[in-house]
């Protein structure tokens, strides 16, 4: 990317990086760190034509996510 002076980095983040969720501190901490890392990396690479994005694809519908939604009243 540096040689070509262009590129895109896409991080798969989560809404968990933006809000507190009971019993998910490790996961939430990692996703928060990923968001902050992406912000810093974007600043460091912009001058080289490299863009950095963090996307929040949403919660996939699985039996586990259904249990979590019921447990947390969502």
PDB file of N, CA and C in Angstrom:
ATOM      1  N   UNK A   1       0.817  -1.190   0.000  1.00  0.00           N
ATOM      2  CA  UNK A   1       0.000   0.000   0.000  1.00  0.00           C
ATOM      3  C   UNK A   1       0.866   1.261   0.000  1.00  0.00           C
ATOM      4  N   UNK A   2       1.924   1.212   0.781  1.00  0.00           N
ATOM      5  CA  UNK A   2       2.808   2.374   0.826  1.00  0.00           C
ATOM      6  C   UNK A   2       3.455   2.621  -0.529  1.00  0.00           C
ATOM      7  N   UNK A   3       3.872   1.537  -1.179  1.00  0.00           N
ATOM      8  CA  UNK A   3       4.513   1.657  -2.486  1.00  0.00           C
ATOM      9  C   UNK A   3       3.534   2.205  -3.520  1.00  0.00           C
ATOM     10  N   UNK A   4       2.308   1.702  -3.498  1.00  0.00           N
ATOM     11  CA  UNK A   4       1.292   2.149  -4.458  1.00  0.00           C
ATOM     12  C   UNK A   4       0.718   3.517  -4.097  1.00  0.00           C
ATOM     13  N   UNK A   5       0.932   3.948  -2.844  1.00  0.00           N
ATOM     14  CA  UNK A   5       0.396   5.208  -2.317  1.00  0.00           C
ATOM     15  C   UNK A   5      -1.136   5.229  -2.347  1.00  0.00           C
ATOM     16  N   UNK A   6      -1.715   4.089  -2.094  1.00  0.00           N
ATOM     17  CA  UNK A   6      -3.171   4.000  -1.970  1.00  0.00           C
ATOM     18  C   UNK A   6      -3.541   2.660  -1.360  1.00  0.00           C
ATOM     19  N   UNK A   7      -4.695   2.619  -0.781  1.00  0.00           N
ATOM     20  CA  UNK A   7      -5.191   1.381  -0.200  1.00  0.00           C
ATOM     21  C   UNK A   7      -6.280   1.660   0.810  1.00  0.00           C
ATOM     22  N   UNK A   8      -6.936   0.592   1.206  1.00  0.00           N
ATOM     23  CA  UNK A   8      -8.001   0.701   2.204  1.00  0.00           C
ATOM     24  C   UNK A   8      -7.853  -0.438   3.202  1.00  0.00           C
ATOM     25  N   UNK A   9      -7.987  -0.094   4.463  1.00  0.00           N
ATOM     26  CA  UNK A   9      -7.978  -1.077   5.543  1.00  0.00           C
ATOM     27  C   UNK A   9      -9.364  -1.035   6.162  1.00  0.00           C
ATOM     28  N   UNK A  10      -9.996  -2.190   6.288  1.00  0.00           N
ATOM     29  CA  UNK A  10     -11.348  -2.255   6.850  1.00  0.00           C
ATOM     30  C   UNK A  10     -11.323  -3.150   8.079  1.00  0.00           C
ATOM     31  N   UNK A  11     -11.669  -2.566   9.214  1.00  0.00           N
ATOM     32  CA  UNK A  11     -11.762  -3.305  10.473  1.00  0.00           C
ATOM     33  C   UNK A  11     -13.215  -3.666  10.729  1.00  0.00           C
ATOM     34  N   UNK A  12     -13.465  -4.899  11.136  1.00  0.00           N
ATOM     35  CA  UNK A  12     -14.817  -5.308  11.493  1.00  0.00           C
ATOM     36  C   UNK A  12     -14.989  -5.047  12.983  1.00  0.00           C
ATOM     37  N   UNK A  13     -15.696  -3.990  13.275  1.00  0.00           N
ATOM     38  CA  UNK A  13     -15.907  -3.572  14.661  1.00  0.00           C
ATOM     39  C   UNK A  13     -17.279  -4.066  15.139  1.00  0.00           C
ATOM     40  N   UNK A  14     -17.798  -3.440  16.168  1.00  0.00           N
ATOM     41  CA  UNK A  14     -19.065  -3.864  16.739  1.00  0.00           C
ATOM     42  C   UNK A  14     -19.658  -2.716  17.532  1.00  0.00           C
ATOM     43  N   UNK A  15     -20.962  -2.720  17.636  1.00  0.00           N
ATOM     44  CA  UNK A  15     -21.640  -1.736  18.483  1.00  0.00           C
ATOM     45  C   UNK A  15     -21.160  -1.887  19.929  1.00  0.00           C
ATOM     46  N   UNK A  16     -20.638  -3.065  20.256  1.00  0.00           N
ATOM     47  CA  UNK A  16     -20.126  -3.312  21.609  1.00  0.00           C
ATOM     48  C   UNK A  16     -18.967  -2.375  21.944  1.00  0.00           C
ATOM     49  N   UNK A  17     -18.300  -1.843  20.943  1.00  0.00           N
ATOM     50  CA  UNK A  17     -17.226  -0.893  21.187  1.00  0.00           C
ATOM     51  C   UNK A  17     -17.727   0.495  21.536  1.00  0.00           C
ATOM     52  N   UNK A  18     -19.041   0.682  21.465  1.00  0.00           N
ATOM     53  CA  UNK A  18     -19.620   2.000  21.716  1.00  0.00           C
ATOM     54  C   UNK A  18     -20.486   2.071  22.955  1.00  0.00           C
ATOM     55  N   UNK A  19     -20.795   0.933  23.549  1.00  0.00           N
ATOM     56  CA  UNK A  19     -21.679   0.938  24.717  1.00  0.00           C
ATOM     57  C   UNK A  19     -21.302  -0.178  25.688  1.00  0.00           C
ATOM     58  N   UNK A  20     -21.696   0.000  26.925  1.00  0.00           N
ATOM     59  CA  UNK A  20     -21.431  -1.027  27.939  1.00  0.00           C
ATOM     60  C   UNK A  20     -22.447  -2.161  27.800  1.00  0.00           C
ATOM     61  N   UNK A  21     -21.956  -3.385  27.926  1.00  0.00           N
ATOM     62  CA  UNK A  21     -22.829  -4.560  27.863  1.00  0.00           C
ATOM     63  C   UNK A  21     -22.434  -5.480  29.010  1.00  0.00           C
ATOM     64  N   UNK A  22     -23.365  -5.796  29.909  1.00  0.00           N
ATOM     65  CA  UNK A  22     -23.028  -6.657  31.046  1.00  0.00           C
ATOM     66  C   UNK A  22     -22.456  -8.000  30.591  1.00  0.00           C
ATOM     67  N   UNK A  23     -21.487  -8.492  31.319  1.00  0.00           N
ATOM     68  CA  UNK A  23     -20.815  -9.785  31.126  1.00  0.00           C
ATOM     69  C   UNK A  23     -19.980  -9.871  29.844  1.00  0.00           C
ATOM     70  N   UNK A  24     -19.736  -8.756  29.182  1.00  0.00           N
ATOM     71  CA  UNK A  24     -18.982  -8.798  27.922  1.00  0.00           C
ATOM     72  C   UNK A  24     -17.785  -7.851  27.950  1.00  0.00           C
ATOM     73  N   UNK A  25     -17.184  -7.645  29.124  1.00  0.00           N
ATOM     74  CA  UNK A  25     -16.103  -6.656  29.224  1.00  0.00           C
ATOM     75  C   UNK A  25     -14.903  -6.959  28.341  1.00  0.00           C
ATOM     76  N   UNK A  26     -14.483  -8.196  28.235  1.00  0.00           N
ATOM     77  CA  UNK A  26     -13.307  -8.514  27.407  1.00  0.00           C
ATOM     78  C   UNK A  26     -13.605  -8.240  25.934  1.00  0.00           C
ATOM     79  N   UNK A  27     -14.749  -8.707  25.464  1.00  0.00           N
ATOM     80  CA  UNK A  27     -15.135  -8.485  24.069  1.00  0.00           C
ATOM     81  C   UNK A  27     -15.297  -6.995  23.799  1.00  0.00           C
ATOM     82  N   UNK A  28     -15.998  -6.318  24.693  1.00  0.00           N
ATOM     83  CA  UNK A  28     -16.235  -4.888  24.526  1.00  0.00           C
ATOM     84  C   UNK A  28     -14.920  -4.105  24.534  1.00  0.00           C
ATOM     85  N   UNK A  29     -14.020  -4.470  25.428  1.00  0.00           N
ATOM     86  CA  UNK A  29     -12.720  -3.805  25.491  1.00  0.00           C
ATOM     87  C   UNK A  29     -11.934  -3.966  24.207  1.00  0.00           C
ATOM     88  N   UNK A  30     -11.974  -5.162  23.637  1.00  0.00           N
ATOM     89  CA  UNK A  30     -11.264  -5.408  22.362  1.00  0.00           C
ATOM     90  C   UNK A  30     -11.866  -4.599  21.223  1.00  0.00           C
ATOM     91  N   UNK A  31     -13.176  -4.541  21.142  1.00  0.00           N
ATOM     92  CA  UNK A  31     -13.821  -3.795  20.062  1.00  0.00           C
ATOM     93  C   UNK A  31     -13.611  -2.290  20.227  1.00  0.00           C
ATOM     94  N   UNK A  32     -13.593  -1.801  21.461  1.00  0.00           N
ATOM     95  CA  UNK A  32     -13.289  -0.388  21.704  1.00  0.00           C
ATOM     96  C   UNK A  32     -11.869  -0.078  21.267  1.00  0.00           C
ATOM     97  N   UNK A  33     -10.935  -0.958  21.614  1.00  0.00           N
ATOM     98  CA  UNK A  33      -9.534  -0.775  21.214  1.00  0.00           C
ATOM     99  C   UNK A  33      -9.408  -0.789  19.690  1.00  0.00           C
ATOM    100  N   UNK A  34     -10.152  -1.659  19.015  1.00  0.00           N
ATOM    101  CA  UNK A  34     -10.110  -1.724  17.559  1.00  0.00           C
ATOM    102  C   UNK A  34     -10.584  -0.411  16.934  1.00  0.00           C
ATOM    103  N   UNK A  35     -11.634   0.176  17.487  1.00  0.00           N
ATOM    104  CA  UNK A  35     -12.119   1.464  16.980  1.00  0.00           C
ATOM    105  C   UNK A  35     -11.068   2.555  17.151  1.00  0.00           C
ATOM    106  N   UNK A  36     -10.479   2.634  18.335  1.00  0.00           N
ATOM    107  CA  UNK A  36      -9.452   3.667  18.589  1.00  0.00           C
ATOM    108  C   UNK A  36      -8.211   3.422  17.727  1.00  0.00           C
ATOM    109  N   UNK A  37      -7.818   2.154  17.562  1.00  0.00           N
ATOM    110  CA  UNK A  37      -6.684   1.808  16.714  1.00  0.00           C
ATOM    111  C   UNK A  37      -6.939   2.280  15.280  1.00  0.00           C
ATOM    112  N   UNK A  38      -8.133   2.024  14.783  1.00  0.00           N
ATOM    113  CA  UNK A  38      -8.485   2.439  13.430  1.00  0.00           C
ATOM    114  C   UNK A  38      -8.431   3.945  13.256  1.00  0.00           C
ATOM    115  N   UNK A  39      -8.895   4.678  14.262  1.00  0.00           N
ATOM    116  CA  UNK A  39      -8.849   6.144  14.194  1.00  0.00           C
ATOM    117  C   UNK A  39      -7.401   6.633  14.112  1.00  0.00           C
ATOM    118  N   UNK A  40      -6.557   6.085  14.957  1.00  0.00           N
ATOM    119  CA  UNK A  40      -5.142   6.491  14.947  1.00  0.00           C
ATOM    120  C   UNK A  40      -4.452   6.082  13.651  1.00  0.00           C
ATOM    121  N   UNK A  41      -4.702   4.857  13.207  1.00  0.00           N
ATOM    122  CA  UNK A  41      -4.088   4.375  11.975  1.00  0.00           C
ATOM    123  C   UNK A  41      -4.507   5.246  10.788  1.00  0.00           C
ATOM    124  N   UNK A  42      -5.754   5.688  10.770  1.00  0.00           N
ATOM    125  CA  UNK A  42      -6.223   6.567   9.697  1.00  0.00           C
ATOM    126  C   UNK A  42      -5.420   7.862   9.671  1.00  0.00           C
ATOM    127  N   UNK A  43      -5.149   8.410  10.838  1.00  0.00           N
ATOM    128  CA  UNK A  43      -4.357   9.638  10.904  1.00  0.00           C
ATOM    129  C   UNK A  43      -2.923   9.408  10.434  1.00  0.00           C
ATOM    130  N   UNK A  44      -2.366   8.263  10.793  1.00  0.00           N
ATOM    131  CA  UNK A  44      -0.970   7.967  10.460  1.00  0.00           C
ATOM    132  C   UNK A  44      -0.765   7.615   8.987  1.00  0.00           C
ATOM    133  N   UNK A  45      -1.792   7.114   8.330  1.00  0.00           N
ATOM    134  CA  UNK A  45      -1.620   6.643   6.955  1.00  0.00           C
ATOM    135  C   UNK A  45      -2.243   7.556   5.907  1.00  0.00           C
ATOM    136  N   UNK A  46      -3.001   8.563   6.312  1.00  0.00           N
ATOM    137  CA  UNK A  46      -3.692   9.444   5.355  1.00  0.00           C
ATOM    138  C   UNK A  46      -2.715  10.091   4.374  1.00  0.00           C
ATOM    139  N   UNK A  47      -1.579  10.512   4.864  1.00  0.00           N
ATOM    140  CA  UNK A  47      -0.604  11.176   3.983  1.00  0.00           C
ATOM    141  C   UNK A  47      -0.038  10.246   2.923  1.00  0.00           C
ATOM    142  N   UNK A  48      -0.227   8.944   3.104  1.00  0.00           N
ATOM    143  CA  UNK A  48       0.256   7.947   2.142  1.00  0.00           C
ATOM    144  C   UNK A  48      -0.856   7.462   1.215  1.00  0.00           C
ATOM    145  N   UNK A  49      -2.038   8.101   1.294  1.00  0.00           N
ATOM    146  CA  UNK A  49      -3.152   7.708   0.441  1.00  0.00           C
ATOM    147  C   UNK A  49      -3.884   6.471   0.908  1.00  0.00           C
ATOM    148  N   UNK A  50      -3.680   6.067   2.155  1.00  0.00           N
ATOM    149  CA  UNK A  50      -4.323   4.867   2.697  1.00  0.00           C
ATOM    150  C   UNK A  50      -5.482   5.299   3.594  1.00  0.00           C
ATOM    151  N   UNK A  51      -6.642   4.717   3.351  1.00  0.00           N
ATOM    152  CA  UNK A  51      -7.831   5.019   4.136  1.00  0.00           C
ATOM    153  C   UNK A  51      -8.117   3.858   5.083  1.00  0.00           C
ATOM    154  N   UNK A  52      -8.623   4.184   6.262  1.00  0.00           N
ATOM    155  CA  UNK A  52      -8.950   3.159   7.258  1.00  0.00           C
ATOM    156  C   UNK A  52     -10.405   3.341   7.665  1.00  0.00           C
ATOM    157  N   UNK A  53     -11.155   2.244   7.651  1.00  0.00           N
ATOM    158  CA  UNK A  53     -12.568   2.267   8.000  1.00  0.00           C
ATOM    159  C   UNK A  53     -12.852   1.218   9.067  1.00  0.00           C
ATOM    160  N   UNK A  54     -13.818   1.501   9.916  1.00  0.00           N
ATOM    161  CA  UNK A  54     -14.334   0.500  10.857  1.00  0.00           C
ATOM    162  C   UNK A  54     -15.813   0.345  10.553  1.00  0.00           C
ATOM    163  N   UNK A  55     -16.230  -0.888  10.288  1.00  0.00           N
ATOM    164  CA  UNK A  55     -17.638  -1.129   9.971  1.00  0.00           C
ATOM    165  C   UNK A  55     -18.294  -1.882  11.127  1.00  0.00           C
ATOM    166  N   UNK A  56     -19.579  -1.689  11.262  1.00  0.00           N
ATOM    167  CA  UNK A  56     -20.397  -2.358  12.273  1.00  0.00           C
ATOM    168  C   UNK A  56     -21.479  -3.139  11.533  1.00  0.00           C
ATOM    169  N   UNK A  57     -21.220  -4.396  11.179  1.00  0.00           N
ATOM    170  CA  UNK A  57     -22.163  -5.131  10.334  1.00  0.00           C
ATOM    171  C   UNK A  57     -23.469  -5.544  11.018  1.00  0.00           C
ATOM    172  N   UNK A  58     -23.569  -5.382  12.313  1.00  0.00           N
ATOM    173  CA  UNK A  58     -24.790  -5.790  13.011  1.00  0.00           C
ATOM    174  C   UNK A  58     -24.637  -7.174  13.616  1.00  0.00           C
ATOM    175  N   UNK A  59     -25.680  -7.603  14.274  1.00  0.00           N
ATOM    176  CA  UNK A  59     -25.665  -8.898  14.971  1.00  0.00           C
ATOM    177  C   UNK A  59     -26.209  -9.968  14.032  1.00  0.00           C
ATOM    178  N   UNK A  60     -25.427 -11.012  13.761  1.00  0.00           N
ATOM    179  CA  UNK A  60     -25.955 -12.091  12.925  1.00  0.00           C
ATOM    180  C   UNK A  60     -27.016 -12.868  13.695  1.00  0.00           C
ATOM    181  N   UNK A  61     -28.010 -13.322  13.023  1.00  0.00           N
ATOM    182  CA  UNK A  61     -29.092 -14.076  13.663  1.00  0.00           C
ATOM    183  C   UNK A  61     -28.637 -15.512  13.863  1.00  0.00           C
ATOM    184  N   UNK A  62     -28.342 -15.884  15.110  1.00  0.00           N
ATOM    185  CA  UNK A  62     -27.933 -17.242  15.462  1.00  0.00           C
ATOM    186  C   UNK A  62     -28.663 -17.656  16.733  1.00  0.00           C
ATOM    187  N   UNK A  63     -28.703 -18.936  17.063  1.00  0.00           N
ATOM    188  CA  UNK A  63     -29.315 -19.354  18.325  1.00  0.00           C
ATOM    189  C   UNK A  63     -28.663 -18.646  19.526  1.00  0.00           C
ATOM    190  N   UNK A  64     -27.335 -18.449  19.481  1.00  0.00           N
ATOM    191  CA  UNK A  64     -26.638 -17.782  20.587  1.00  0.00           C
ATOM    192  C   UNK A  64     -27.071 -16.313  20.711  1.00  0.00           C
ATOM    193  N   UNK A  65     -27.164 -15.597  19.591  1.00  0.00           N
ATOM    194  CA  UNK A  65     -27.566 -14.188  19.662  1.00  0.00           C
ATOM    195  C   UNK A  65     -29.023 -14.067  20.102  1.00  0.00           C
ATOM    196  N   UNK A  66     -29.861 -15.042  19.725  1.00  0.00           N
ATOM    197  CA  UNK A  66     -31.248 -15.021  20.189  1.00  0.00           C
ATOM    198  C   UNK A  66     -31.315 -15.164  21.702  1.00  0.00           C
ATOM    199  N   UNK A  67     -30.504 -16.074  22.271  1.00  0.00           N
ATOM    200  CA  UNK A  67     -30.465 -16.246  23.727  1.00  0.00           C
ATOM    201  C   UNK A  67     -29.998 -14.965  24.406  1.00  0.00           C
ATOM    202  N   UNK A  68     -28.962 -14.339  23.849  1.00  0.00           N
ATOM    203  CA  UNK A  68     -28.411 -13.103  24.415  1.00  0.00           C
ATOM    204  C   UNK A  68     -29.454 -11.992  24.371  1.00  0.00           C
ATOM    205  N   UNK A  69     -30.200 -11.881  23.267  1.00  0.00           N
ATOM    206  CA  UNK A  69     -31.209 -10.851  23.135  1.00  0.00           C
ATOM    207  C   UNK A  69     -32.309 -11.033  24.182  1.00  0.00           C
ATOM    208  N   UNK A  70     -32.728 -12.274  24.381  1.00  0.00           N
ATOM    209  CA  UNK A  70     -33.753 -12.544  25.386  1.00  0.00           C
ATOM    210  C   UNK A  70     -33.236 -12.250  26.792  1.00  0.00           C
ATOM    211  N   UNK A  71     -31.990 -12.636  27.054  1.00  0.00           N
ATOM    212  CA  UNK A  71     -31.391 -12.442  28.372  1.00  0.00           C
ATOM    213  C   UNK A  71     -31.292 -10.957  28.727  1.00  0.00           C
ATOM    214  N   UNK A  72     -30.983 -10.107  27.725  1.00  0.00           N
ATOM    215  CA  UNK A  72     -30.784  -8.683  27.985  1.00  0.00           C
ATOM    216  C   UNK A  72     -31.997  -7.845  27.603  1.00  0.00           C
ATOM    217  N   UNK A  73     -33.125  -8.504  27.332  1.00  0.00           N
ATOM    218  CA  UNK A  73     -34.373  -7.794  27.054  1.00  0.00           C
ATOM    219  C   UNK A  73     -34.380  -7.025  25.741  1.00  0.00           C
ATOM    220  N   UNK A  74     -33.724  -7.552  24.727  1.00  0.00           N
ATOM    221  CA  UNK A  74     -33.707  -6.880  23.413  1.00  0.00           C
ATOM    222  C   UNK A  74     -34.523  -7.648  22.410  1.00  0.00           C
TER     223      UNK A  74
END
